[in-house]
Protein backbone atom coordinates (compact mmCIF):
# COMPACT_ATOMS: atom_id res chain seq x y z
CA MET A 1 82.06 108.84 18.98
CA LYS A 2 83.39 109.73 15.61
CA LYS A 3 83.87 106.19 14.57
CA LEU A 4 79.79 105.13 15.76
CA LEU A 5 78.97 108.25 13.81
CA ILE A 6 81.11 107.00 10.71
CA GLY A 7 79.73 103.61 10.39
CA ILE A 8 76.08 104.99 10.87
CA PHE A 9 76.78 106.88 7.74
CA VAL A 10 75.12 105.20 4.86
CA PHE A 11 76.02 106.36 1.14
CA ILE A 12 73.52 105.69 -1.80
CA LEU A 13 74.47 105.23 -5.34
CA GLY A 14 71.70 104.85 -7.65
CA PHE A 15 73.04 102.97 -11.22
CA THR A 16 71.67 105.71 -14.44
CA THR A 17 69.27 103.15 -16.02
CA LYS A 18 66.38 104.59 -17.09
CA ALA A 19 63.83 102.98 -14.62
CA PHE A 20 65.96 104.46 -11.53
CA SER A 21 64.05 107.51 -12.21
CA ASP A 22 61.12 106.39 -10.82
CA GLY A 23 62.74 105.69 -7.29
CA HIS A 24 61.94 102.16 -7.34
CA GLY A 25 64.44 99.64 -7.26
CA ILE A 26 66.30 96.21 -5.61
CA LYS A 27 67.93 97.70 -2.65
CA MET A 28 71.42 95.95 -2.09
CA GLY A 29 73.75 96.53 0.78
CA ILE A 30 77.64 97.17 0.56
CA ILE A 31 79.15 97.09 3.42
CA LEU A 32 83.01 97.88 3.89
CA GLY A 33 85.57 99.65 5.93
CA PHE A 34 85.94 103.27 3.85
CA THR A 35 87.35 104.26 7.11
CA GLY A 36 90.15 102.44 9.47
CA PRO A 37 92.96 100.17 8.47
CA ILE A 38 92.16 98.92 5.03
CA GLU A 39 90.72 101.81 3.59
CA THR A 40 93.03 102.28 0.64
CA LEU A 41 91.27 98.86 -0.68
CA THR A 42 87.81 99.10 -0.23
CA PRO A 43 86.96 101.49 -3.17
CA ALA A 44 87.62 99.31 -5.76
CA MET A 45 86.48 96.63 -3.92
CA ALA A 46 83.14 98.36 -3.99
CA ALA A 47 83.37 99.56 -7.10
CA SER A 48 84.16 95.89 -8.30
CA ALA A 49 80.44 95.06 -6.71
CA GLU A 50 78.55 97.61 -7.92
CA LEU A 51 80.02 97.24 -11.57
CA ALA A 52 78.14 93.68 -11.39
CA PHE A 53 74.94 95.52 -10.10
CA LYS A 54 75.03 97.78 -12.83
CA GLU A 55 75.65 94.95 -15.45
CA ALA A 56 72.70 93.27 -14.26
CA SER A 57 70.37 96.30 -14.05
CA ASP A 58 71.28 97.37 -17.49
CA SER A 59 71.04 94.36 -19.05
CA GLY A 60 67.31 94.33 -18.85
CA SER A 61 67.18 91.10 -18.11
CA LEU A 62 67.33 90.97 -14.35
CA LEU A 63 63.21 89.65 -13.28
CA GLY A 64 62.17 91.01 -16.20
CA GLY A 65 63.68 94.44 -16.34
CA LYS A 66 64.13 95.37 -12.69
CA TYR A 67 67.54 97.42 -11.79
CA ILE A 68 69.17 97.72 -8.39
CA LYS A 69 69.84 100.20 -6.17
CA ALA A 70 73.08 100.36 -4.27
CA MET A 71 73.47 101.20 -0.67
CA ARG A 72 76.74 101.78 1.01
CA GLY A 73 77.84 101.33 4.73
CA ASP A 74 80.96 101.70 6.29
CA SER A 75 82.31 98.70 8.64
CA THR A 76 85.27 100.48 9.71
CA CYS A 77 87.24 96.99 9.76
CA ALA A 78 88.18 97.31 13.48
CA ASP A 79 85.07 98.77 14.90
CA SER A 80 82.46 95.85 15.51
CA ALA A 81 79.71 98.01 16.89
CA ALA A 82 80.12 100.56 14.62
CA GLY A 83 80.08 98.41 11.50
CA THR A 84 77.35 96.48 13.01
CA THR A 85 75.19 99.89 13.73
CA ALA A 86 76.15 100.16 9.66
CA ALA A 87 75.08 97.01 8.71
CA GLN A 88 71.34 96.98 10.99
CA GLY A 89 70.97 100.73 8.93
CA LEU A 90 71.09 98.85 5.55
CA ILE A 91 68.72 96.21 6.83
CA ASP A 92 66.27 98.94 8.21
CA GLY A 93 66.49 100.21 5.01
CA GLY A 94 65.36 97.16 3.29
CA VAL A 95 68.22 95.59 1.21
CA VAL A 96 67.78 92.55 -0.18
CA ALA A 97 71.14 91.29 0.70
CA ILE A 98 74.64 92.83 1.51
CA MET A 99 78.01 92.43 -0.32
CA GLY A 100 80.31 92.24 2.61
CA ALA A 101 81.37 92.78 5.42
CA ASP A 102 85.23 93.01 4.65
CA CYS A 103 87.45 92.58 8.31
CA SER A 104 86.67 89.06 9.84
CA GLY A 105 86.43 89.85 13.33
CA VAL A 106 83.72 92.63 11.70
CA THR A 107 82.18 90.28 9.34
CA THR A 108 81.62 88.15 12.19
CA ALA A 109 79.75 90.61 14.59
CA ILE A 110 77.73 91.73 11.95
CA ALA A 111 76.63 88.43 10.46
CA ASP A 112 75.82 87.24 14.46
CA ASN A 113 73.97 90.33 15.04
CA ALA A 114 72.56 91.84 12.39
CA ALA A 115 72.58 90.05 9.30
CA ILE A 116 71.61 86.12 10.14
CA PRO A 117 68.90 87.63 12.76
CA ASN A 118 66.92 89.28 10.30
CA GLY A 119 67.60 86.08 7.56
CA VAL A 120 70.01 89.01 5.17
CA VAL A 121 72.54 86.93 2.83
CA MET A 122 75.99 88.27 3.32
CA ILE A 123 78.70 87.50 0.90
CA SER A 124 81.95 88.24 2.04
CA PRO A 125 84.64 89.09 -0.51
CA SER A 126 87.43 88.96 2.10
CA ALA A 127 86.77 87.86 5.89
CA THR A 128 89.48 85.10 5.86
CA SER A 129 89.13 83.71 9.67
CA PRO A 130 88.96 80.32 9.76
CA ALA A 131 86.58 80.40 12.42
CA LEU A 132 83.99 81.75 10.10
CA THR A 133 83.57 78.27 8.09
CA SER A 134 82.13 76.89 11.46
CA ILE A 135 79.50 80.17 12.20
CA ASN A 136 76.06 78.95 12.91
CA ASP A 137 74.67 80.92 9.99
CA ASN A 138 71.61 79.13 9.31
CA GLY A 139 72.58 79.32 5.70
CA TYR A 140 73.02 83.47 5.32
CA PHE A 141 76.76 83.34 5.43
CA PHE A 142 79.07 82.88 2.02
CA ARG A 143 82.05 84.00 0.97
CA THR A 144 83.93 84.19 -2.00
CA ALA A 145 87.25 84.18 -0.55
CA PRO A 146 89.02 81.12 1.08
CA SER A 147 89.97 80.59 4.43
CA ASP A 148 93.04 81.24 5.94
CA ALA A 149 93.20 77.49 7.20
CA ARG A 150 94.46 76.85 3.57
CA GLY A 151 95.84 80.62 3.61
CA GLY A 152 98.23 80.14 6.06
CA GLU A 153 99.67 76.86 4.97
CA ILE A 154 100.46 78.36 1.48
CA LEU A 155 102.19 81.65 2.97
CA ALA A 156 104.42 78.92 5.25
CA ASN A 157 105.10 76.91 2.00
CA ILE A 158 106.28 80.19 0.44
CA THR A 159 108.66 80.93 3.02
CA LYS A 160 110.08 77.71 2.80
CA ASP A 161 110.58 78.39 -0.80
CA ARG A 162 112.10 81.70 -0.46
CA LYS A 163 115.09 79.76 2.05
CA VAL A 164 113.69 81.90 5.06
CA LYS A 165 115.43 80.10 8.07
CA SER A 166 113.90 81.88 11.20
CA VAL A 167 110.96 84.38 11.34
CA ALA A 168 109.53 86.65 13.59
CA ILE A 169 105.73 86.92 13.72
CA THR A 170 103.37 90.43 14.23
CA TYR A 171 99.60 90.21 13.93
CA THR A 172 96.92 92.20 14.20
CA ASN A 173 94.90 91.31 17.24
CA SER A 174 91.53 90.76 15.67
CA ASP A 175 89.85 87.44 14.77
CA TYR A 176 91.76 87.63 10.80
CA GLY A 177 95.02 87.96 12.52
CA LYS A 178 95.04 85.34 15.29
CA GLY A 179 93.67 83.12 13.27
CA LEU A 180 96.19 83.40 10.65
CA ALA A 181 99.36 83.70 12.39
CA ASP A 182 98.14 80.14 14.74
CA VAL A 183 97.58 78.84 11.25
CA TYR A 184 101.12 80.15 9.55
CA GLU A 185 103.46 79.36 12.84
CA SER A 186 101.54 75.78 12.93
CA PHE A 187 102.89 75.18 9.29
CA ILE A 188 106.33 76.94 9.45
CA LYS A 189 107.16 74.89 12.42
CA SER A 190 106.45 71.69 10.93
CA LEU A 191 108.38 72.88 7.82
CA GLY A 192 111.81 73.53 9.87
CA ILE A 193 111.39 77.02 10.45
CA LYS A 194 112.49 78.47 13.57
CA VAL A 195 109.95 80.94 14.93
CA THR A 196 111.70 83.47 17.17
CA ALA A 197 108.61 85.58 18.54
CA VAL A 198 104.87 85.84 18.09
CA THR A 199 103.48 89.40 19.09
CA ALA A 200 100.05 90.64 18.48
CA HIS A 201 99.78 94.36 18.09
CA GLU A 202 96.39 97.12 18.20
CA GLU A 203 95.38 99.10 15.35
CA GLY A 204 95.17 102.66 15.56
CA LYS A 205 98.16 103.57 18.09
CA ALA A 206 100.02 106.57 17.26
CA ASP A 207 103.72 104.82 17.86
CA TYR A 208 104.74 101.01 17.65
CA GLY A 209 107.91 101.69 18.75
CA ALA A 210 107.52 99.22 21.65
CA GLU A 211 106.51 96.37 19.44
CA VAL A 212 109.75 96.75 16.86
CA ALA A 213 111.73 96.81 19.54
CA THR A 214 110.49 93.31 21.23
CA LEU A 215 110.92 92.30 17.33
CA ALA A 216 114.24 93.32 17.03
CA ALA A 217 115.57 91.95 19.88
CA ALA A 218 113.90 88.16 19.01
CA GLY A 219 115.48 88.89 15.50
CA GLY A 220 115.42 86.97 12.32
CA ASP A 221 116.09 86.23 8.67
CA ALA A 222 112.44 87.50 8.20
CA LEU A 223 109.44 89.47 9.85
CA ALA A 224 105.83 88.31 8.83
CA VAL A 225 103.58 91.37 9.13
CA LEU A 226 99.62 89.46 9.03
CA GLY A 227 97.92 92.33 9.49
CA TYR A 228 96.97 95.62 7.73
CA LEU A 229 98.68 97.98 5.46
CA ASP A 230 96.91 101.14 6.10
CA GLN A 231 98.15 101.57 9.72
CA ALA A 232 99.82 99.21 12.21
CA GLY A 233 101.00 97.01 9.59
CA GLY A 234 102.83 99.78 7.54
CA SER A 235 103.70 101.44 10.75
CA ILE A 236 105.61 98.40 11.76
CA ILE A 237 107.63 97.90 8.99
CA GLN A 238 108.08 101.42 8.86
CA GLY A 239 109.84 101.06 12.32
CA SER A 240 112.16 98.00 11.19
CA LEU A 241 113.19 99.62 8.56
CA ASP A 242 114.06 102.62 10.62
CA SER A 243 116.06 100.95 13.36
CA GLY A 244 117.50 98.15 10.83
CA ALA A 245 116.17 95.46 12.59
CA PHE A 246 114.54 94.12 9.66
CA ASP A 247 114.51 94.29 5.82
CA THR A 248 112.62 91.40 4.21
CA PHE A 249 109.18 91.35 4.84
CA VAL A 250 106.40 88.05 4.83
CA LEU A 251 103.43 89.70 3.72
CA SER A 252 99.45 88.69 4.29
CA ASP A 253 96.63 89.71 2.08
CA GLY A 254 96.07 92.66 3.97
CA MET A 255 99.54 94.56 3.73
CA TYR A 256 98.86 93.76 -0.05
CA GLY A 257 97.89 97.40 -1.89
CA GLU A 258 99.41 100.43 -3.71
CA SER A 259 99.93 102.54 -0.84
CA LEU A 260 102.43 100.33 0.84
CA THR A 261 104.65 100.35 -2.11
CA LYS A 262 104.16 103.90 -2.76
CA ARG A 263 104.85 104.43 0.54
CA PHE A 264 108.31 102.29 0.78
CA GLY A 265 109.03 101.37 -2.81
CA LYS A 266 112.22 99.75 -3.22
CA ASP A 267 113.11 99.52 0.69
CA LEU A 268 110.61 96.79 0.15
CA ASN A 269 112.32 94.43 -2.35
CA LYS A 270 113.13 90.87 -1.33
CA SER A 271 109.40 90.85 0.18
CA PHE A 272 107.24 88.79 -0.52
CA GLY A 273 103.54 87.17 0.27
CA SER A 274 100.68 85.76 -1.33
CA ARG A 275 96.57 86.63 -1.53
CA PRO A 276 93.98 85.17 -3.06
CA GLY A 277 93.39 85.05 -6.24
CA SER A 278 93.81 83.02 -9.67
CA MET A 279 95.52 83.92 -13.55
CA SER A 280 92.68 81.91 -14.95
CA LYS A 281 90.42 82.75 -17.59
CA GLY A 282 87.98 84.63 -16.08
CA ALA A 283 90.60 86.78 -14.13
CA ASN A 284 91.83 87.62 -16.80
CA ILE A 285 88.65 89.15 -18.27
CA PHE A 286 87.39 90.35 -15.01
CA THR A 287 90.85 92.33 -15.55
CA ASP A 288 89.77 94.28 -18.92
CA VAL A 289 85.85 93.94 -17.84
CA ALA A 290 87.02 96.26 -14.73
CA LYS A 291 89.64 98.00 -17.07
CA SER A 292 86.70 99.43 -19.33
CA ALA A 293 84.42 100.52 -16.50
CA GLY A 294 87.59 102.53 -14.91
CA ILE A 295 88.47 100.48 -12.38
CA ASP A 296 91.89 99.55 -10.95
CA SER A 297 91.24 95.68 -10.38
CA ALA A 298 95.11 94.72 -9.64
CA GLY A 299 94.40 95.19 -5.49
CA PRO A 300 93.36 92.59 -3.34
CA PHE A 301 89.81 91.08 -3.65
CA THR A 302 88.05 93.03 -6.21
CA GLY A 303 87.79 90.01 -8.19
CA GLN A 304 86.00 88.35 -5.16
CA SER A 305 83.99 91.36 -4.57
CA TYR A 306 82.08 91.10 -8.41
CA ASP A 307 81.46 87.67 -7.57
CA ALA A 308 79.68 88.33 -4.59
CA ALA A 309 77.62 90.89 -5.92
CA ALA A 310 77.18 88.81 -8.99
CA LEU A 311 75.80 85.59 -6.90
CA ILE A 312 73.64 87.71 -5.30
CA VAL A 313 72.11 88.71 -8.82
CA LEU A 314 72.24 85.48 -10.04
CA ALA A 315 70.34 84.33 -7.10
CA MET A 316 67.67 86.22 -7.15
CA GLN A 317 66.96 85.57 -10.88
CA ALA A 318 67.16 81.81 -10.26
CA GLY A 319 64.28 81.97 -7.86
CA GLY A 320 62.16 84.80 -9.43
CA LYS A 321 62.20 87.00 -6.83
CA ALA A 322 64.27 90.04 -5.45
CA ASP A 323 63.61 88.96 -1.71
CA ARG A 324 65.98 87.55 1.23
CA ALA A 325 65.01 83.97 1.30
CA THR A 326 65.27 83.58 -2.43
CA VAL A 327 68.68 84.87 -2.37
CA GLN A 328 69.40 82.27 0.58
CA LYS A 329 67.89 79.38 -1.33
CA ASN A 330 69.54 80.02 -4.37
CA VAL A 331 73.29 80.90 -3.87
CA MET A 332 74.50 77.38 -3.84
CA SER A 333 72.61 76.19 -6.82
CA VAL A 334 74.08 79.03 -9.53
CA ALA A 335 77.61 79.06 -7.96
CA ASN A 336 78.38 75.74 -8.65
CA ALA A 337 78.05 72.84 -11.43
CA PRO A 338 76.27 71.43 -13.30
CA GLY A 339 75.51 74.31 -15.79
CA THR A 340 76.45 76.52 -18.40
CA LYS A 341 79.98 78.39 -17.25
CA ILE A 342 79.43 81.91 -16.23
CA TYR A 343 82.20 84.71 -16.68
CA PRO A 344 82.39 88.46 -16.07
CA GLY A 345 80.51 90.50 -18.14
CA GLU A 346 78.69 87.56 -19.02
CA LEU A 347 75.82 88.38 -16.16
CA LYS A 348 72.74 88.74 -19.03
CA LYS A 349 73.54 85.47 -20.09
CA GLY A 350 73.67 83.94 -17.24
CA LEU A 351 70.42 86.15 -16.54
CA ASP A 352 68.58 84.92 -19.36
CA LEU A 353 69.73 81.30 -19.52
CA LEU A 354 68.19 81.42 -15.91
CA ALA A 355 64.93 82.74 -17.01
CA LYS A 356 64.18 80.28 -19.13
CA GLY A 357 64.33 77.31 -16.61
CA LYS A 358 68.63 76.52 -17.68
CA ALA A 359 71.18 75.44 -14.95
CA ILE A 360 74.04 78.10 -15.07
CA ASN A 361 77.72 77.15 -13.19
CA TYR A 362 78.96 80.70 -11.92
CA GLU A 363 82.95 80.51 -12.07
CA GLY A 364 83.41 84.64 -12.26
CA ALA A 365 86.73 86.44 -11.86
CA THR A 366 88.22 83.85 -9.04
CA ASP A 367 86.51 80.37 -10.30
CA VAL A 368 84.45 80.30 -8.31
CA GLU A 369 83.03 76.95 -6.35
CA LEU A 370 81.70 77.01 -2.90
CA THR A 371 81.72 74.13 -0.69
CA ASP A 372 79.41 72.65 1.64
CA VAL A 373 79.05 75.69 4.04
CA GLY A 374 78.99 78.15 1.06
CA GLU A 375 82.98 79.16 1.44
CA ALA A 376 85.19 79.41 -1.56
CA ASN A 377 87.83 76.82 -2.29
CA GLY A 378 89.90 79.32 -3.98
CA SER A 379 93.28 79.74 -4.87
CA PHE A 380 96.10 82.14 -4.26
CA LEU A 381 98.89 84.09 -5.83
CA GLU A 382 102.22 84.22 -4.74
CA PHE A 383 103.79 87.89 -4.87
CA GLU A 384 106.74 89.46 -4.43
CA VAL A 385 108.30 93.35 -4.51
CA LYS A 386 110.75 93.68 -7.24
CA GLY A 387 111.81 97.36 -8.40
CA GLY A 388 109.46 98.76 -5.97
CA LYS A 389 106.09 97.31 -7.07
CA PHE A 390 104.29 94.12 -6.31
CA VAL A 391 104.45 91.32 -9.13
CA ASP A 392 102.53 88.12 -9.00
CA VAL A 393 104.90 85.42 -9.37
CA LYS A 394 102.43 82.41 -9.65
CA GLN A 395 99.42 80.63 -8.78
CA ARG A 396 99.09 78.33 -5.86
């Protein structure tokens, strides 16, 4: 019942533009796991999306001077029923589109049961399950994060480059975890690395001693933890360190976050992984834009969240209307070439060009380029833990 109540609860934020005081704005939904296994990551993701909405609102150029009223809903990341209820609340409240959701399983549930049936576009910044590539979305689901079909291969190549000879794998028992584990295991084996065990784990348990014991018995040079940092993933690392079972961890993007290094510090030295991201011009600009707004963009999926919100805004402007069908019809045209390249902090420029009937090519923070099914081609960053801190090594 507690999770259900959390999922239903919707936070409403109004941006401080002059027009906001009249009580009428374009409603936009943001649905992320503000509670649950990635709860330390989502505040910066939401703030990044809200930054794009505020930038468009304050520009004075959005549909002749309109502004955006952002409404938050809690996906919980893990509870599909609660997440769907929260999303339906946003939809019933009149949102034009949704920035979100986050975790793959709950994103699929929201898309299938709430967004798509109601003709509401969702642009997820972080749902990476390969299964979402073939979702029957009628053109209403997009994502600015690349699929784990590629992410798993990248992570396997990094594991090989780190000279790991054998690895045990544990994954969160969800669409995200299972999809990534399948891809990672397949590529690891093709690279000649021994897989000693592959086990699923559930989120929200009080104790993971049994899971750690199974993995310890299998052994390996490293333990691949394909999960979420704030619940099971962090607890399994804790148990592995305490028991001496493993001291090197291969970390998926859901394990990347400051809360993990604050918890374990230098005990994570030698650990490594990958996450969607780039070292591009747009990424560097976004870092500065976010910093100016007081947002720490170092965590995963902040740039993707800004980009998802920006695409929604630009799609509305391209079609000249603040309605659901307009967003759906125009996302692809503003995301891809041809047209003038638009970077973070340049939404006014993009809005003005679209108002004049000019084409734009939104590059954003993550070099946005959507495939024919509406998902990012994307790039990845290899990272490692050095001195108890996450350090980006290079773009993959």
